[in-house]
Protein backbone atom coordinates (compact mmCIF):
# COMPACT_ATOMS: atom_id res chain seq x y z
CA MET A 1 0.00 0.00 0.00
CA PRO A 2 1.52 3.37 -0.99
CA ILE A 3 2.31 5.90 1.71
CA LEU A 4 1.37 9.51 1.01
CA PHE A 5 2.37 12.59 3.00
CA TYR A 6 0.18 15.61 2.26
CA VAL A 7 1.17 19.06 3.55
CA ASP A 8 -1.31 21.93 3.40
CA ASP A 9 -2.06 24.81 5.75
CA SER A 10 -5.76 24.60 4.83
CA ARG A 11 -7.59 22.34 7.26
CA ASP A 12 -10.43 22.16 4.72
CA ASP A 13 -8.10 20.76 2.06
CA LEU A 14 -6.59 18.26 4.52
CA PHE A 15 -10.08 17.14 5.54
CA TYR A 16 -11.25 16.93 1.92
CA LEU A 17 -8.44 14.62 0.80
CA ASP A 18 -8.96 12.30 3.76
CA TYR A 19 -12.72 12.35 3.18
CA ILE A 20 -12.27 11.41 -0.48
CA ARG A 21 -9.82 8.64 0.47
CA ARG A 22 -12.38 7.12 2.83
CA LYS A 23 -15.38 7.65 0.52
CA GLN A 24 -13.64 6.15 -2.51
CA GLN A 25 -11.97 3.48 -0.38
CA VAL A 26 -8.57 4.28 -1.84
CA ASP A 27 -5.92 1.86 -0.66
CA VAL A 28 -3.29 4.36 0.53
CA ASP A 29 -1.80 5.28 3.90
CA LEU A 30 -2.44 9.02 4.14
CA PHE A 31 -0.60 11.24 6.60
CA CYS A 32 -1.67 14.90 6.69
CA PHE A 33 0.33 17.83 8.06
CA SER A 34 -0.57 21.49 8.37
CA SER A 35 3.01 22.78 8.12
CA ALA A 36 6.23 21.93 6.31
CA PRO A 37 8.28 21.67 9.55
CA ALA A 38 5.79 19.17 11.01
CA ALA A 39 5.97 17.05 7.87
CA PHE A 40 9.77 17.12 7.80
CA GLU A 41 9.95 16.08 11.46
CA ALA A 42 7.61 13.17 10.74
CA LEU A 43 9.73 12.14 7.75
CA GLU A 44 12.87 12.11 9.86
CA ALA A 45 11.08 10.19 12.63
CA ARG A 46 10.02 7.50 10.13
CA LEU A 47 13.60 7.07 9.02
CA GLU A 48 14.90 6.92 12.59
CA LYS A 49 12.37 4.17 13.36
CA GLY A 50 13.43 2.25 10.26
CA GLU A 51 10.01 2.67 8.63
CA GLY A 52 11.39 4.14 5.44
CA ALA A 53 10.34 7.18 3.49
CA PRO A 54 6.85 7.57 2.03
CA ASP A 55 6.24 6.90 -1.64
CA ILE A 56 4.87 10.37 -2.34
CA VAL A 57 5.07 13.79 -0.66
CA ILE A 58 2.71 16.51 -1.89
CA ALA A 59 2.99 20.04 -0.54
CA ASP A 60 0.75 23.05 -1.11
CA LEU A 61 2.56 25.77 -3.03
CA TYR A 62 1.21 28.68 -0.98
CA MET A 63 1.60 28.27 2.77
CA PRO A 64 2.51 30.98 5.23
CA LEU A 65 6.02 30.89 6.71
CA ASP A 66 7.31 27.97 4.67
CA SER A 67 6.10 27.32 1.14
CA GLY A 68 5.56 23.91 -0.33
CA SER A 69 8.27 24.57 -2.89
CA ALA A 70 10.76 25.22 -0.05
CA LEU A 71 9.92 21.84 1.48
CA ILE A 72 10.27 20.14 -1.90
CA ALA A 73 13.66 21.82 -2.44
CA GLN A 74 14.80 20.71 1.03
CA LEU A 75 13.77 17.11 0.36
CA ARG A 76 15.32 17.12 -3.13
CA ARG A 77 18.70 18.12 -1.63
CA ASP A 78 18.56 15.30 0.95
CA ASP A 79 19.73 11.93 -0.41
CA ARG A 80 17.61 10.09 2.16
CA PHE A 81 14.53 11.10 0.15
CA SER A 82 15.88 10.54 -3.36
CA ALA A 83 13.40 7.74 -4.12
CA VAL A 84 10.36 9.75 -2.97
CA ARG A 85 8.11 11.23 -5.65
CA LEU A 86 7.72 14.92 -4.82
CA GLY A 87 4.71 16.96 -5.88
CA VAL A 88 3.38 20.46 -5.47
CA CYS A 89 -0.31 21.32 -5.49
CA SER A 90 -2.13 24.60 -5.78
CA GLY A 91 -5.40 26.15 -6.80
CA SER A 92 -3.36 28.13 -9.32
CA ASP A 93 -3.06 27.14 -12.96
CA ALA A 94 -0.47 29.85 -13.67
CA ALA A 95 2.53 28.75 -15.70
CA GLU A 96 4.93 30.59 -13.38
CA ASP A 97 3.65 28.58 -10.39
CA ARG A 98 4.29 25.34 -12.25
CA GLU A 99 7.76 26.58 -13.19
CA ARG A 100 8.53 27.45 -9.55
CA ALA A 101 7.46 23.98 -8.45
CA PHE A 102 9.62 22.22 -11.02
CA ALA A 103 12.56 24.55 -10.34
CA ALA A 104 12.34 23.52 -6.67
CA GLY A 105 12.64 19.88 -7.70
CA ALA A 106 9.04 18.69 -7.91
CA ASP A 107 8.37 15.64 -10.03
CA PHE A 108 4.80 16.73 -10.71
CA TYR A 109 2.31 19.56 -10.21
CA LEU A 110 -1.37 19.04 -9.39
CA GLU A 111 -4.20 21.54 -9.34
CA LYS A 112 -6.72 21.52 -6.53
CA PRO A 113 -9.02 19.92 -5.73
CA LEU A 114 -6.77 16.88 -5.58
CA ASN A 115 -7.94 13.49 -6.71
CA PHE A 116 -6.36 10.15 -6.01
CA THR A 117 -6.23 9.05 -9.62
CA ALA A 118 -3.90 11.93 -10.45
CA ILE A 119 -1.87 11.38 -7.29
CA LEU A 120 -1.39 7.66 -7.74
CA ASP A 121 -0.63 8.08 -11.44
CA ASN A 122 2.47 9.98 -10.28
CA ARG A 123 3.89 7.10 -8.24
């Protein structure tokens, strides 16, 4: 079963993705975080426990204090997460937002609202 970390400062978006996972009975372990530092701490804790990195990390592009692209860039520079698929999501369809995400090291860019077909297609 794939492991997905989702980072978004919007509690509504976090709730929505979990709701859709349960409603559609998607076979994925979903871990939601409301900040990039919380997600990074959880990632490090998984490694320290020998649980391994998740399959996918998706971070919201626009978050206060620490953007999703900053988290993606941090993970991309860390060899411990080299096998993790990294994605950025946003309600924006602007080309410059996509470019920022890919420049930070994202493997893919998704527009909100997220759906599991698009997420799991990026595994």
